[in-house]
Amino acid sequence: MDKEFIITEDGSHTIYLPEINEHYHSVHGAIQESKHIYIEQGLLQTTGNPVTILEIGFGTGLNAYLTYCYAKEKKLNVNYISLEKYPLTKDEYEQLNYANNIFPESSFVFQQIHGAEWNTVVEISPEFKLHKIQADLLTYRFNPTPQFDLVYYDAFAPGKQAEMWTEEILHRVGATVKKGGILVTYCAKGSIRRAFTDAGFLMERIPGPTGKKEILRGKKTI
């Protein structure tokens, strides 16, 4: 797909895909969106250490980079697993300005994260292990034993990629989460909330970032 690089309202990039009329991040601010949803309402709500994270949609690598930076600040050990069917090329990810806009002292880590080999565990630092998996969520088979403390569900919107939000897929992802684990997503649709509820989560609507009224967060109860 063709990609256009857009500067959002907080000065950070998002990528626009004209073919499906979709952005990777909010035009109201890519960094503020990711910080609010995945860091403040996800990572910082966890209580264990280490934390094993599943991300659905590696995309620009922004969530992974922010997670590394905040985990370092909070002295968390993180195992970060991310699924992505269509990784960015080196020419594409080198255009992104996230590392210049937040935690510039760790800007080299953003390049390390993107440059890490796919489909293998890479130690970005002693506290942060990254496993990027190039795979299609629709056909990927997870370990049947619940292993994740936290899920970032960051696929493209249901109106653009409905197949990523079916009950079957959401239940399959939900089954990977440990009891007491957390799931966060920017999508607040009632059908998505109900599907995750059926998958064993106590779901709640919470205030969203700038430009979005609500998001969803759930805690696995079974």
N, C-alpha and C. Protein backbone atom coordinates (compact mmCIF):
# COMPACT_ATOMS: atom_id res chain seq x y z
N MET A 1 0.83 -1.20 0.00
CA MET A 1 0.00 0.00 0.00
C MET A 1 0.87 1.25 0.00
N ASP A 2 0.42 2.29 -0.69
CA ASP A 2 1.09 3.57 -0.63
C ASP A 2 0.92 4.17 0.76
N LYS A 3 1.94 4.91 1.19
CA LYS A 3 1.90 5.51 2.52
C LYS A 3 2.24 6.98 2.44
N GLU A 4 1.52 7.78 3.22
CA GLU A 4 1.81 9.20 3.34
C GLU A 4 2.13 9.49 4.80
N PHE A 5 3.20 10.26 5.03
CA PHE A 5 3.63 10.61 6.38
C PHE A 5 3.03 11.96 6.76
N ILE A 6 2.26 11.97 7.83
CA ILE A 6 1.50 13.14 8.26
C ILE A 6 1.99 13.59 9.63
N ILE A 7 2.12 14.90 9.82
CA ILE A 7 2.44 15.45 11.14
C ILE A 7 1.14 15.69 11.89
N THR A 8 1.00 15.07 13.06
CA THR A 8 -0.21 15.21 13.86
C THR A 8 -0.13 16.44 14.76
N GLU A 9 -1.19 16.69 15.51
CA GLU A 9 -1.29 17.94 16.28
C GLU A 9 -0.25 18.07 17.38
N ASP A 10 0.33 16.97 17.86
CA ASP A 10 1.37 17.11 18.88
C ASP A 10 2.78 17.12 18.27
N GLY A 11 2.85 17.23 16.95
CA GLY A 11 4.14 17.33 16.27
C GLY A 11 4.74 16.01 15.86
N SER A 12 4.09 14.90 16.21
CA SER A 12 4.63 13.58 15.88
C SER A 12 3.94 13.01 14.64
N HIS A 13 4.61 12.08 14.01
CA HIS A 13 4.11 11.49 12.77
C HIS A 13 2.98 10.48 12.98
N THR A 14 2.13 10.40 12.00
CA THR A 14 1.34 9.20 11.76
C THR A 14 1.51 8.86 10.29
N ILE A 15 1.08 7.68 9.91
CA ILE A 15 1.11 7.25 8.51
C ILE A 15 -0.33 7.11 8.04
N TYR A 16 -0.58 7.63 6.85
CA TYR A 16 -1.91 7.56 6.24
C TYR A 16 -1.87 6.60 5.06
N LEU A 17 -2.87 5.70 5.01
CA LEU A 17 -2.99 4.74 3.91
C LEU A 17 -4.19 5.14 3.05
N PRO A 18 -3.95 5.81 1.92
CA PRO A 18 -5.07 6.26 1.08
C PRO A 18 -5.96 5.12 0.60
N GLU A 19 -5.38 3.96 0.37
CA GLU A 19 -6.14 2.83 -0.18
C GLU A 19 -7.31 2.44 0.71
N ILE A 20 -7.13 2.54 2.03
CA ILE A 20 -8.23 2.20 2.94
C ILE A 20 -8.68 3.40 3.76
N ASN A 21 -8.14 4.58 3.44
CA ASN A 21 -8.52 5.82 4.13
C ASN A 21 -8.38 5.67 5.64
N GLU A 22 -7.18 5.27 6.07
CA GLU A 22 -6.94 4.99 7.50
C GLU A 22 -5.58 5.51 7.92
N HIS A 23 -5.51 6.00 9.17
CA HIS A 23 -4.26 6.43 9.77
C HIS A 23 -3.78 5.39 10.78
N TYR A 24 -2.47 5.28 10.94
CA TYR A 24 -1.91 4.41 11.96
C TYR A 24 -2.20 4.95 13.36
N HIS A 25 -2.19 6.28 13.51
CA HIS A 25 -2.41 6.91 14.81
C HIS A 25 -3.34 8.10 14.64
N SER A 26 -3.80 8.62 15.75
CA SER A 26 -4.71 9.76 15.73
C SER A 26 -4.05 11.00 15.15
N VAL A 27 -4.79 11.72 14.32
CA VAL A 27 -4.28 12.99 13.79
C VAL A 27 -4.25 14.05 14.88
N HIS A 28 -4.89 13.81 16.02
CA HIS A 28 -4.86 14.74 17.16
C HIS A 28 -3.56 14.61 17.95
N GLY A 29 -2.73 13.66 17.58
CA GLY A 29 -1.44 13.49 18.26
C GLY A 29 -1.12 12.03 18.43
N ALA A 30 -0.15 11.55 17.68
CA ALA A 30 0.20 10.12 17.75
C ALA A 30 0.78 9.76 19.11
N ILE A 31 1.73 10.55 19.58
CA ILE A 31 2.38 10.23 20.86
C ILE A 31 1.40 10.35 22.02
N GLN A 32 0.60 11.43 22.05
CA GLN A 32 -0.34 11.59 23.16
C GLN A 32 -1.36 10.47 23.17
N GLU A 33 -1.77 9.98 22.00
CA GLU A 33 -2.72 8.88 21.93
C GLU A 33 -2.12 7.60 22.51
N SER A 34 -0.93 7.25 22.05
CA SER A 34 -0.29 6.01 22.50
C SER A 34 0.03 6.07 24.00
N LYS A 35 0.52 7.21 24.47
CA LYS A 35 0.83 7.35 25.89
C LYS A 35 -0.43 7.15 26.73
N HIS A 36 -1.51 7.79 26.33
CA HIS A 36 -2.73 7.72 27.13
C HIS A 36 -3.30 6.30 27.16
N ILE A 37 -3.45 5.69 25.99
CA ILE A 37 -4.13 4.40 25.92
C ILE A 37 -3.24 3.27 26.43
N TYR A 38 -2.04 3.15 25.86
CA TYR A 38 -1.26 1.94 26.09
C TYR A 38 -0.30 2.04 27.27
N ILE A 39 0.18 3.25 27.56
CA ILE A 39 1.08 3.40 28.71
C ILE A 39 0.29 3.70 29.98
N GLU A 40 -0.44 4.82 29.98
CA GLU A 40 -1.12 5.25 31.21
C GLU A 40 -2.26 4.30 31.61
N GLN A 41 -3.04 3.84 30.63
CA GLN A 41 -4.17 2.97 30.95
C GLN A 41 -3.84 1.48 30.82
N GLY A 42 -2.64 1.18 30.39
CA GLY A 42 -2.21 -0.20 30.24
C GLY A 42 -1.00 -0.52 31.09
N LEU A 43 0.18 -0.16 30.62
CA LEU A 43 1.42 -0.53 31.30
C LEU A 43 1.45 -0.06 32.74
N LEU A 44 1.05 1.17 32.99
CA LEU A 44 1.15 1.71 34.35
C LEU A 44 0.06 1.19 35.28
N GLN A 45 -0.85 0.40 34.74
CA GLN A 45 -1.88 -0.23 35.58
C GLN A 45 -1.48 -1.64 36.01
N THR A 46 -0.39 -2.16 35.46
CA THR A 46 0.05 -3.50 35.84
C THR A 46 0.74 -3.44 37.21
N THR A 47 0.74 -4.57 37.89
CA THR A 47 1.33 -4.59 39.23
C THR A 47 2.48 -5.57 39.35
N GLY A 48 2.62 -6.47 38.39
CA GLY A 48 3.68 -7.46 38.47
C GLY A 48 4.98 -6.99 37.85
N ASN A 49 6.01 -7.77 38.06
CA ASN A 49 7.32 -7.51 37.46
C ASN A 49 8.07 -8.84 37.47
N PRO A 50 8.35 -9.41 36.31
CA PRO A 50 8.28 -8.84 34.96
C PRO A 50 6.86 -8.77 34.40
N VAL A 51 6.75 -8.07 33.26
CA VAL A 51 5.48 -7.93 32.55
C VAL A 51 5.66 -8.51 31.15
N THR A 52 4.78 -9.42 30.78
CA THR A 52 4.80 -9.98 29.44
C THR A 52 3.65 -9.37 28.64
N ILE A 53 3.99 -8.71 27.53
CA ILE A 53 3.04 -7.91 26.76
C ILE A 53 2.85 -8.51 25.38
N LEU A 54 1.60 -8.53 24.93
CA LEU A 54 1.27 -8.87 23.55
C LEU A 54 0.72 -7.63 22.87
N GLU A 55 1.28 -7.29 21.73
CA GLU A 55 0.76 -6.18 20.94
C GLU A 55 0.22 -6.73 19.63
N ILE A 56 -1.01 -6.37 19.33
CA ILE A 56 -1.60 -6.72 18.04
C ILE A 56 -1.46 -5.51 17.13
N GLY A 57 -0.48 -5.56 16.23
CA GLY A 57 -0.22 -4.46 15.32
C GLY A 57 1.01 -3.67 15.71
N PHE A 58 2.20 -4.14 15.28
CA PHE A 58 3.44 -3.43 15.62
C PHE A 58 3.48 -2.05 14.96
N GLY A 59 3.02 -1.97 13.72
CA GLY A 59 2.88 -0.69 13.03
C GLY A 59 4.15 0.14 12.98
N THR A 60 4.09 1.33 13.55
CA THR A 60 5.21 2.26 13.53
C THR A 60 6.25 1.99 14.61
N GLY A 61 5.95 1.07 15.52
CA GLY A 61 6.86 0.81 16.64
C GLY A 61 6.75 1.79 17.77
N LEU A 62 5.78 2.72 17.69
CA LEU A 62 5.66 3.74 18.73
C LEU A 62 5.30 3.14 20.08
N ASN A 63 4.36 2.21 20.11
CA ASN A 63 3.98 1.60 21.39
C ASN A 63 5.15 0.86 22.02
N ALA A 64 5.91 0.16 21.21
CA ALA A 64 7.07 -0.58 21.73
C ALA A 64 8.11 0.38 22.29
N TYR A 65 8.37 1.47 21.58
CA TYR A 65 9.37 2.45 22.03
C TYR A 65 8.94 3.11 23.34
N LEU A 66 7.68 3.54 23.41
CA LEU A 66 7.19 4.16 24.64
C LEU A 66 7.23 3.17 25.80
N THR A 67 6.88 1.92 25.51
CA THR A 67 6.91 0.90 26.56
C THR A 67 8.33 0.72 27.09
N TYR A 68 9.30 0.66 26.20
CA TYR A 68 10.70 0.55 26.63
C TYR A 68 11.06 1.73 27.53
N CYS A 69 10.73 2.95 27.10
CA CYS A 69 11.13 4.15 27.85
C CYS A 69 10.49 4.20 29.23
N TYR A 70 9.20 3.91 29.32
CA TYR A 70 8.52 3.96 30.61
C TYR A 70 8.89 2.79 31.49
N ALA A 71 9.11 1.63 30.90
CA ALA A 71 9.55 0.48 31.70
C ALA A 71 10.92 0.74 32.31
N LYS A 72 11.79 1.38 31.54
CA LYS A 72 13.11 1.73 32.07
C LYS A 72 12.97 2.70 33.24
N GLU A 73 12.09 3.68 33.09
CA GLU A 73 11.87 4.67 34.15
C GLU A 73 11.30 4.02 35.41
N LYS A 74 10.40 3.05 35.23
CA LYS A 74 9.73 2.39 36.36
C LYS A 74 10.47 1.14 36.83
N LYS A 75 11.61 0.84 36.19
CA LYS A 75 12.42 -0.34 36.55
C LYS A 75 11.62 -1.63 36.41
N LEU A 76 10.91 -1.74 35.28
CA LEU A 76 10.16 -2.94 34.96
C LEU A 76 10.95 -3.81 33.99
N ASN A 77 10.87 -5.10 34.17
CA ASN A 77 11.40 -6.04 33.19
C ASN A 77 10.26 -6.43 32.26
N VAL A 78 10.49 -6.31 30.96
CA VAL A 78 9.42 -6.50 29.99
C VAL A 78 9.82 -7.52 28.93
N ASN A 79 8.89 -8.43 28.68
CA ASN A 79 8.96 -9.32 27.52
C ASN A 79 7.87 -8.84 26.56
N TYR A 80 8.28 -8.35 25.40
CA TYR A 80 7.36 -7.66 24.49
C TYR A 80 7.22 -8.47 23.21
N ILE A 81 6.03 -8.98 22.96
CA ILE A 81 5.75 -9.78 21.78
C ILE A 81 4.76 -9.00 20.91
N SER A 82 5.10 -8.83 19.63
CA SER A 82 4.26 -8.02 18.76
C SER A 82 4.05 -8.72 17.42
N LEU A 83 2.79 -8.77 16.99
CA LEU A 83 2.44 -9.36 15.70
C LEU A 83 2.21 -8.28 14.66
N GLU A 84 2.75 -8.49 13.48
CA GLU A 84 2.59 -7.54 12.38
C GLU A 84 2.70 -8.29 11.06
N LYS A 85 1.71 -8.13 10.22
CA LYS A 85 1.72 -8.80 8.92
C LYS A 85 2.56 -8.05 7.90
N TYR A 86 2.52 -6.72 7.96
CA TYR A 86 3.21 -5.90 6.95
C TYR A 86 4.15 -4.90 7.63
N PRO A 87 5.37 -5.31 7.98
CA PRO A 87 6.31 -4.39 8.64
C PRO A 87 6.71 -3.24 7.72
N LEU A 88 7.02 -2.11 8.33
CA LEU A 88 7.57 -0.99 7.58
C LEU A 88 8.96 -1.34 7.06
N THR A 89 9.32 -0.71 5.96
CA THR A 89 10.69 -0.85 5.46
C THR A 89 11.62 0.08 6.23
N LYS A 90 12.92 -0.12 6.08
CA LYS A 90 13.90 0.74 6.74
C LYS A 90 13.73 2.19 6.29
N ASP A 91 13.52 2.41 5.00
CA ASP A 91 13.32 3.77 4.51
C ASP A 91 12.10 4.43 5.14
N GLU A 92 11.06 3.63 5.41
CA GLU A 92 9.85 4.17 6.00
C GLU A 92 10.03 4.49 7.48
N TYR A 93 10.53 3.55 8.26
CA TYR A 93 10.61 3.82 9.70
C TYR A 93 11.65 4.87 10.04
N GLU A 94 12.65 5.05 9.17
CA GLU A 94 13.64 6.09 9.43
C GLU A 94 13.08 7.50 9.23
N GLN A 95 11.92 7.62 8.62
CA GLN A 95 11.29 8.94 8.46
C GLN A 95 10.52 9.37 9.70
N LEU A 96 10.22 8.45 10.58
CA LEU A 96 9.38 8.75 11.74
C LEU A 96 10.15 9.55 12.78
N ASN A 97 9.49 10.53 13.39
CA ASN A 97 10.19 11.48 14.27
C ASN A 97 9.92 11.26 15.76
N TYR A 98 9.41 10.10 16.14
CA TYR A 98 9.03 9.89 17.54
C TYR A 98 10.20 10.08 18.50
N ALA A 99 11.34 9.52 18.15
CA ALA A 99 12.48 9.58 19.06
C ALA A 99 12.99 11.00 19.26
N ASN A 100 12.70 11.89 18.30
CA ASN A 100 13.10 13.29 18.45
C ASN A 100 12.13 14.07 19.33
N ASN A 101 10.93 13.55 19.48
CA ASN A 101 9.88 14.27 20.19
C ASN A 101 9.70 13.82 21.63
N ILE A 102 10.17 12.62 21.97
CA ILE A 102 10.01 12.13 23.33
C ILE A 102 11.17 11.21 23.67
N PHE A 103 11.73 11.36 24.84
CA PHE A 103 12.89 10.59 25.29
C PHE A 103 14.01 10.58 24.25
N PRO A 104 14.46 11.77 23.81
CA PRO A 104 15.52 11.80 22.79
C PRO A 104 16.80 11.12 23.25
N GLU A 105 17.01 11.03 24.55
CA GLU A 105 18.22 10.36 25.05
C GLU A 105 18.19 8.86 24.74
N SER A 106 17.01 8.34 24.39
CA SER A 106 16.89 6.92 24.02
C SER A 106 16.58 6.75 22.54
N SER A 107 16.85 7.78 21.74
CA SER A 107 16.48 7.73 20.32
C SER A 107 17.10 6.54 19.60
N PHE A 108 18.30 6.15 20.02
CA PHE A 108 18.96 5.01 19.37
C PHE A 108 18.16 3.73 19.56
N VAL A 109 17.39 3.66 20.65
CA VAL A 109 16.61 2.45 20.93
C VAL A 109 15.48 2.29 19.92
N PHE A 110 14.92 3.40 19.47
CA PHE A 110 13.87 3.32 18.45
C PHE A 110 14.39 2.62 17.20
N GLN A 111 15.61 2.96 16.81
CA GLN A 111 16.22 2.30 15.65
C GLN A 111 16.54 0.84 15.96
N GLN A 112 16.97 0.57 17.18
CA GLN A 112 17.23 -0.82 17.57
C GLN A 112 15.97 -1.67 17.50
N ILE A 113 14.88 -1.11 17.96
CA ILE A 113 13.61 -1.83 17.96
C ILE A 113 13.19 -2.18 16.54
N HIS A 114 13.29 -1.20 15.65
CA HIS A 114 12.92 -1.47 14.27
C HIS A 114 13.93 -2.36 13.56
N GLY A 115 15.19 -2.21 13.91
CA GLY A 115 16.22 -3.01 13.25
C GLY A 115 16.35 -4.42 13.78
N ALA A 116 15.67 -4.72 14.88
CA ALA A 116 15.75 -6.06 15.47
C ALA A 116 15.21 -7.10 14.50
N GLU A 117 15.88 -8.24 14.47
CA GLU A 117 15.47 -9.31 13.57
C GLU A 117 14.06 -9.78 13.90
N TRP A 118 13.29 -10.08 12.86
CA TRP A 118 11.94 -10.59 13.04
C TRP A 118 11.96 -12.08 13.37
N ASN A 119 10.93 -12.50 14.08
CA ASN A 119 10.69 -13.92 14.38
C ASN A 119 11.75 -14.54 15.27
N THR A 120 12.39 -13.72 16.08
CA THR A 120 13.33 -14.22 17.07
C THR A 120 13.34 -13.27 18.25
N VAL A 121 13.69 -13.75 19.42
CA VAL A 121 13.77 -12.90 20.61
C VAL A 121 15.08 -12.12 20.57
N VAL A 122 14.96 -10.80 20.72
CA VAL A 122 16.13 -9.92 20.69
C VAL A 122 16.18 -9.15 22.00
N GLU A 123 17.33 -9.13 22.65
CA GLU A 123 17.50 -8.37 23.88
C GLU A 123 17.89 -6.94 23.54
N ILE A 124 16.92 -6.04 23.64
CA ILE A 124 17.19 -4.62 23.39
C ILE A 124 18.01 -4.04 24.54
N SER A 125 17.71 -4.49 25.75
CA SER A 125 18.48 -4.17 26.94
C SER A 125 18.28 -5.34 27.89
N PRO A 126 19.05 -5.41 28.98
CA PRO A 126 18.84 -6.52 29.91
C PRO A 126 17.41 -6.59 30.47
N GLU A 127 16.71 -5.44 30.45
CA GLU A 127 15.36 -5.39 31.02
C GLU A 127 14.26 -5.48 29.96
N PHE A 128 14.60 -5.42 28.69
CA PHE A 128 13.58 -5.35 27.64
C PHE A 128 13.91 -6.32 26.52
N LYS A 129 13.11 -7.39 26.45
CA LYS A 129 13.29 -8.40 25.41
C LYS A 129 12.15 -8.28 24.42
N LEU A 130 12.50 -8.24 23.15
CA LEU A 130 11.55 -7.98 22.07
C LEU A 130 11.46 -9.18 21.14
N HIS A 131 10.23 -9.58 20.84
CA HIS A 131 10.00 -10.66 19.88
C HIS A 131 8.97 -10.16 18.87
N LYS A 132 9.45 -9.67 17.74
CA LYS A 132 8.56 -9.23 16.66
C LYS A 132 8.25 -10.43 15.78
N ILE A 133 6.98 -10.68 15.58
CA ILE A 133 6.55 -11.83 14.80
C ILE A 133 5.84 -11.34 13.54
N GLN A 134 6.41 -11.66 12.39
CA GLN A 134 5.75 -11.30 11.14
C GLN A 134 4.74 -12.39 10.82
N ALA A 135 3.48 -12.09 11.06
CA ALA A 135 2.44 -13.11 10.92
C ALA A 135 1.08 -12.45 10.76
N ASP A 136 0.16 -13.22 10.23
CA ASP A 136 -1.24 -12.82 10.10
C ASP A 136 -1.99 -13.29 11.33
N LEU A 137 -2.56 -12.38 12.07
CA LEU A 137 -3.31 -12.75 13.28
C LEU A 137 -4.39 -13.78 12.97
N LEU A 138 -4.97 -13.72 11.79
CA LEU A 138 -6.08 -14.59 11.46
C LEU A 138 -5.68 -16.06 11.42
N THR A 139 -4.42 -16.32 11.15
CA THR A 139 -3.96 -17.71 11.04
C THR A 139 -2.92 -18.08 12.09
N TYR A 140 -2.48 -17.09 12.88
CA TYR A 140 -1.44 -17.35 13.87
C TYR A 140 -1.99 -18.21 15.01
N ARG A 141 -1.18 -19.15 15.46
CA ARG A 141 -1.59 -20.03 16.55
C ARG A 141 -0.78 -19.71 17.80
N PHE A 142 -1.47 -19.24 18.83
CA PHE A 142 -0.83 -18.89 20.09
C PHE A 142 -0.58 -20.13 20.93
N ASN A 143 0.37 -20.01 21.84
CA ASN A 143 0.54 -21.02 22.88
C ASN A 143 -0.78 -21.13 23.66
N PRO A 144 -1.32 -22.34 23.83
CA PRO A 144 -2.62 -22.47 24.49
C PRO A 144 -2.61 -22.10 25.98
N THR A 145 -1.44 -22.00 26.58
CA THR A 145 -1.35 -21.63 27.99
C THR A 145 -1.36 -20.11 28.13
N PRO A 146 -2.28 -19.53 28.93
CA PRO A 146 -2.27 -18.07 29.12
C PRO A 146 -0.90 -17.58 29.58
N GLN A 147 -0.36 -16.58 28.91
CA GLN A 147 0.99 -16.14 29.21
C GLN A 147 1.16 -14.63 29.31
N PHE A 148 0.13 -13.86 28.89
CA PHE A 148 0.31 -12.41 28.82
C PHE A 148 -0.32 -11.69 30.01
N ASP A 149 0.41 -10.71 30.51
CA ASP A 149 -0.09 -9.85 31.59
C ASP A 149 -0.81 -8.63 31.05
N LEU A 150 -0.54 -8.30 29.80
CA LEU A 150 -1.06 -7.07 29.22
C LEU A 150 -1.15 -7.23 27.71
N VAL A 151 -2.27 -6.77 27.14
CA VAL A 151 -2.45 -6.79 25.68
C VAL A 151 -2.73 -5.38 25.20
N TYR A 152 -1.97 -4.97 24.18
CA TYR A 152 -2.27 -3.74 23.42
C TYR A 152 -2.99 -4.19 22.16
N TYR A 153 -4.31 -3.99 22.08
CA TYR A 153 -5.02 -4.37 20.86
C TYR A 153 -5.12 -3.14 19.97
N ASP A 154 -4.23 -3.10 18.97
CA ASP A 154 -4.04 -1.87 18.18
C ASP A 154 -4.11 -2.15 16.68
N ALA A 155 -5.02 -3.04 16.30
CA ALA A 155 -5.25 -3.30 14.88
C ALA A 155 -5.99 -2.12 14.26
N PHE A 156 -6.01 -2.05 12.93
CA PHE A 156 -6.79 -1.01 12.27
C PHE A 156 -8.26 -1.16 12.64
N ALA A 157 -9.01 -0.08 12.52
CA ALA A 157 -10.39 -0.01 13.01
C ALA A 157 -11.29 -1.08 12.40
N PRO A 158 -12.32 -1.50 13.15
CA PRO A 158 -13.24 -2.50 12.64
C PRO A 158 -13.87 -2.13 11.30
N GLY A 159 -14.09 -0.85 11.07
CA GLY A 159 -14.66 -0.43 9.80
C GLY A 159 -13.72 -0.58 8.63
N LYS A 160 -12.43 -0.76 8.91
CA LYS A 160 -11.41 -0.92 7.86
C LYS A 160 -10.94 -2.36 7.74
N GLN A 161 -10.81 -3.04 8.87
CA GLN A 161 -10.36 -4.43 8.89
C GLN A 161 -11.24 -5.22 9.85
N ALA A 162 -12.47 -5.46 9.44
CA ALA A 162 -13.44 -6.13 10.30
C ALA A 162 -12.97 -7.52 10.71
N GLU A 163 -12.19 -8.16 9.87
CA GLU A 163 -11.74 -9.53 10.16
C GLU A 163 -10.83 -9.60 11.38
N MET A 164 -10.24 -8.47 11.78
CA MET A 164 -9.37 -8.44 12.95
C MET A 164 -10.16 -8.29 14.25
N TRP A 165 -11.47 -8.12 14.15
CA TRP A 165 -12.29 -7.82 15.32
C TRP A 165 -13.47 -8.78 15.47
N THR A 166 -13.40 -9.94 14.85
CA THR A 166 -14.48 -10.91 14.99
C THR A 166 -14.46 -11.52 16.39
N GLU A 167 -15.59 -12.07 16.80
CA GLU A 167 -15.66 -12.72 18.11
C GLU A 167 -14.62 -13.83 18.21
N GLU A 168 -14.45 -14.59 17.15
CA GLU A 168 -13.49 -15.69 17.16
C GLU A 168 -12.08 -15.18 17.45
N ILE A 169 -11.68 -14.12 16.76
CA ILE A 169 -10.33 -13.58 16.95
C ILE A 169 -10.17 -12.98 18.34
N LEU A 170 -11.15 -12.21 18.80
CA LEU A 170 -11.04 -11.58 20.11
C LEU A 170 -11.03 -12.62 21.22
N HIS A 171 -11.78 -13.69 21.06
CA HIS A 171 -11.77 -14.77 22.04
C HIS A 171 -10.41 -15.48 22.04
N ARG A 172 -9.84 -15.66 20.84
CA ARG A 172 -8.55 -16.32 20.75
C ARG A 172 -7.47 -15.50 21.44
N VAL A 173 -7.48 -14.19 21.21
CA VAL A 173 -6.52 -13.31 21.89
C VAL A 173 -6.78 -13.31 23.39
N GLY A 174 -8.04 -13.22 23.77
CA GLY A 174 -8.39 -13.20 25.19
C GLY A 174 -7.91 -14.43 25.94
N ALA A 175 -7.90 -15.56 25.25
CA ALA A 175 -7.49 -16.82 25.89
C ALA A 175 -6.00 -16.84 26.24
N THR A 176 -5.23 -15.92 25.66
CA THR A 176 -3.78 -15.89 25.93
C THR A 176 -3.45 -15.10 27.19
N VAL A 177 -4.43 -14.42 27.78
CA VAL A 177 -4.19 -13.50 28.90
C VAL A 177 -4.38 -14.22 30.23
N LYS A 178 -3.44 -14.02 31.12
CA LYS A 178 -3.52 -14.61 32.46
C LYS A 178 -4.69 -14.00 33.25
N LYS A 179 -5.18 -14.74 34.22
CA LYS A 179 -6.17 -14.18 35.13
C LYS A 179 -5.57 -12.96 35.83
N GLY A 180 -6.31 -11.87 35.83
CA GLY A 180 -5.82 -10.62 36.40
C GLY A 180 -5.11 -9.75 35.40
N GLY A 181 -4.88 -10.28 34.20
CA GLY A 181 -4.21 -9.51 33.16
C GLY A 181 -5.10 -8.42 32.60
N ILE A 182 -4.49 -7.47 31.90
CA ILE A 182 -5.18 -6.28 31.40
C ILE A 182 -5.15 -6.26 29.87
N LEU A 183 -6.23 -5.78 29.28
CA LEU A 183 -6.30 -5.54 27.84
C LEU A 183 -6.77 -4.12 27.61
N VAL A 184 -6.11 -3.40 26.72
CA VAL A 184 -6.53 -2.05 26.38
C VAL A 184 -6.62 -1.91 24.86
N THR A 185 -7.60 -1.14 24.42
CA THR A 185 -7.76 -0.85 23.00
C THR A 185 -8.42 0.50 22.84
N TYR A 186 -8.11 1.14 21.72
CA TYR A 186 -8.71 2.44 21.43
C TYR A 186 -10.17 2.30 20.99
N CYS A 187 -10.58 1.11 20.58
CA CYS A 187 -11.92 0.90 20.03
C CYS A 187 -12.93 0.72 21.16
N ALA A 188 -13.96 1.54 21.18
CA ALA A 188 -14.95 1.50 22.26
C ALA A 188 -16.31 1.02 21.80
N LYS A 189 -16.37 0.37 20.63
CA LYS A 189 -17.66 -0.11 20.12
C LYS A 189 -18.30 -1.12 21.09
N GLY A 190 -19.61 -1.07 21.18
CA GLY A 190 -20.31 -1.98 22.07
C GLY A 190 -20.10 -3.43 21.72
N SER A 191 -20.05 -3.75 20.44
CA SER A 191 -19.86 -5.14 20.03
C SER A 191 -18.48 -5.65 20.45
N ILE A 192 -17.49 -4.79 20.44
CA ILE A 192 -16.13 -5.18 20.86
C ILE A 192 -16.10 -5.38 22.37
N ARG A 193 -16.74 -4.49 23.10
CA ARG A 193 -16.82 -4.64 24.56
C ARG A 193 -17.50 -5.95 24.94
N ARG A 194 -18.60 -6.26 24.25
CA ARG A 194 -19.34 -7.49 24.55
C ARG A 194 -18.52 -8.73 24.21
N ALA A 195 -17.79 -8.69 23.11
CA ALA A 195 -16.97 -9.84 22.72
C ALA A 195 -15.87 -10.10 23.74
N PHE A 196 -15.21 -9.06 24.20
CA PHE A 196 -14.17 -9.25 25.22
C PHE A 196 -14.78 -9.66 26.56
N THR A 197 -15.97 -9.18 26.86
CA THR A 197 -16.66 -9.63 28.07
C THR A 197 -16.91 -11.14 27.99
N ASP A 198 -17.38 -11.58 26.85
CA ASP A 198 -17.62 -13.02 26.65
C ASP A 198 -16.33 -13.82 26.71
N ALA A 199 -15.21 -13.16 26.42
CA ALA A 199 -13.91 -13.84 26.46
C ALA A 199 -13.31 -13.87 27.87
N GLY A 200 -14.05 -13.35 28.85
CA GLY A 200 -13.61 -13.46 30.24
C GLY A 200 -13.06 -12.21 30.87
N PHE A 201 -13.31 -11.06 30.24
CA PHE A 201 -12.81 -9.79 30.77
C PHE A 201 -13.94 -9.00 31.44
N LEU A 202 -13.60 -8.32 32.53
CA LEU A 202 -14.47 -7.31 33.11
C LEU A 202 -14.11 -6.00 32.42
N MET A 203 -14.97 -5.56 31.51
CA MET A 203 -14.66 -4.42 30.66
C MET A 203 -15.20 -3.12 31.24
N GLU A 204 -14.49 -2.04 30.97
CA GLU A 204 -14.95 -0.71 31.37
C GLU A 204 -14.61 0.30 30.29
N ARG A 205 -15.49 1.25 30.14
CA ARG A 205 -15.22 2.39 29.26
C ARG A 205 -14.52 3.45 30.10
N ILE A 206 -13.43 3.98 29.59
CA ILE A 206 -12.71 5.02 30.31
C ILE A 206 -12.44 6.17 29.35
N PRO A 207 -12.20 7.39 29.88
CA PRO A 207 -11.97 8.53 28.99
C PRO A 207 -10.82 8.30 28.03
N GLY A 208 -11.01 8.72 26.80
CA GLY A 208 -10.00 8.54 25.78
C GLY A 208 -9.04 9.72 25.71
N PRO A 209 -8.07 9.64 24.81
CA PRO A 209 -7.13 10.74 24.60
C PRO A 209 -7.80 11.89 23.85
N THR A 210 -7.09 12.96 23.64
CA THR A 210 -7.63 14.09 22.88
C THR A 210 -8.18 13.61 21.54
N GLY A 211 -9.41 14.02 21.26
CA GLY A 211 -10.03 13.65 20.00
C GLY A 211 -10.83 12.37 20.04
N LYS A 212 -10.83 11.67 21.19
CA LYS A 212 -11.59 10.43 21.31
C LYS A 212 -12.27 10.39 22.67
N LYS A 213 -13.59 10.21 22.67
CA LYS A 213 -14.36 10.30 23.90
C LYS A 213 -14.02 9.18 24.87
N GLU A 214 -14.00 7.93 24.36
CA GLU A 214 -13.82 6.78 25.24
C GLU A 214 -12.91 5.73 24.60
N ILE A 215 -12.32 4.91 25.46
CA ILE A 215 -11.58 3.72 25.05
C ILE A 215 -12.04 2.57 25.95
N LEU A 216 -11.52 1.38 25.68
CA LEU A 216 -11.89 0.24 26.49
C LEU A 216 -10.68 -0.33 27.22
N ARG A 217 -10.94 -0.75 28.46
CA ARG A 217 -9.93 -1.49 29.23
C ARG A 217 -10.64 -2.65 29.91
N GLY A 218 -9.98 -3.79 29.92
CA GLY A 218 -10.58 -4.95 30.56
C GLY A 218 -9.59 -5.67 31.45
N LYS A 219 -10.11 -6.36 32.48
CA LYS A 219 -9.31 -7.18 33.35
C LYS A 219 -9.81 -8.60 33.27
N LYS A 220 -8.89 -9.55 33.02
CA LYS A 220 -9.28 -10.95 32.86
C LYS A 220 -9.70 -11.51 34.22
N THR A 221 -10.88 -12.09 34.25
CA THR A 221 -11.44 -12.57 35.51
C THR A 221 -11.43 -14.09 35.63
N ILE A 222 -11.13 -14.79 34.55
CA ILE A 222 -11.13 -16.26 34.60
C ILE A 222 -9.83 -16.82 34.04
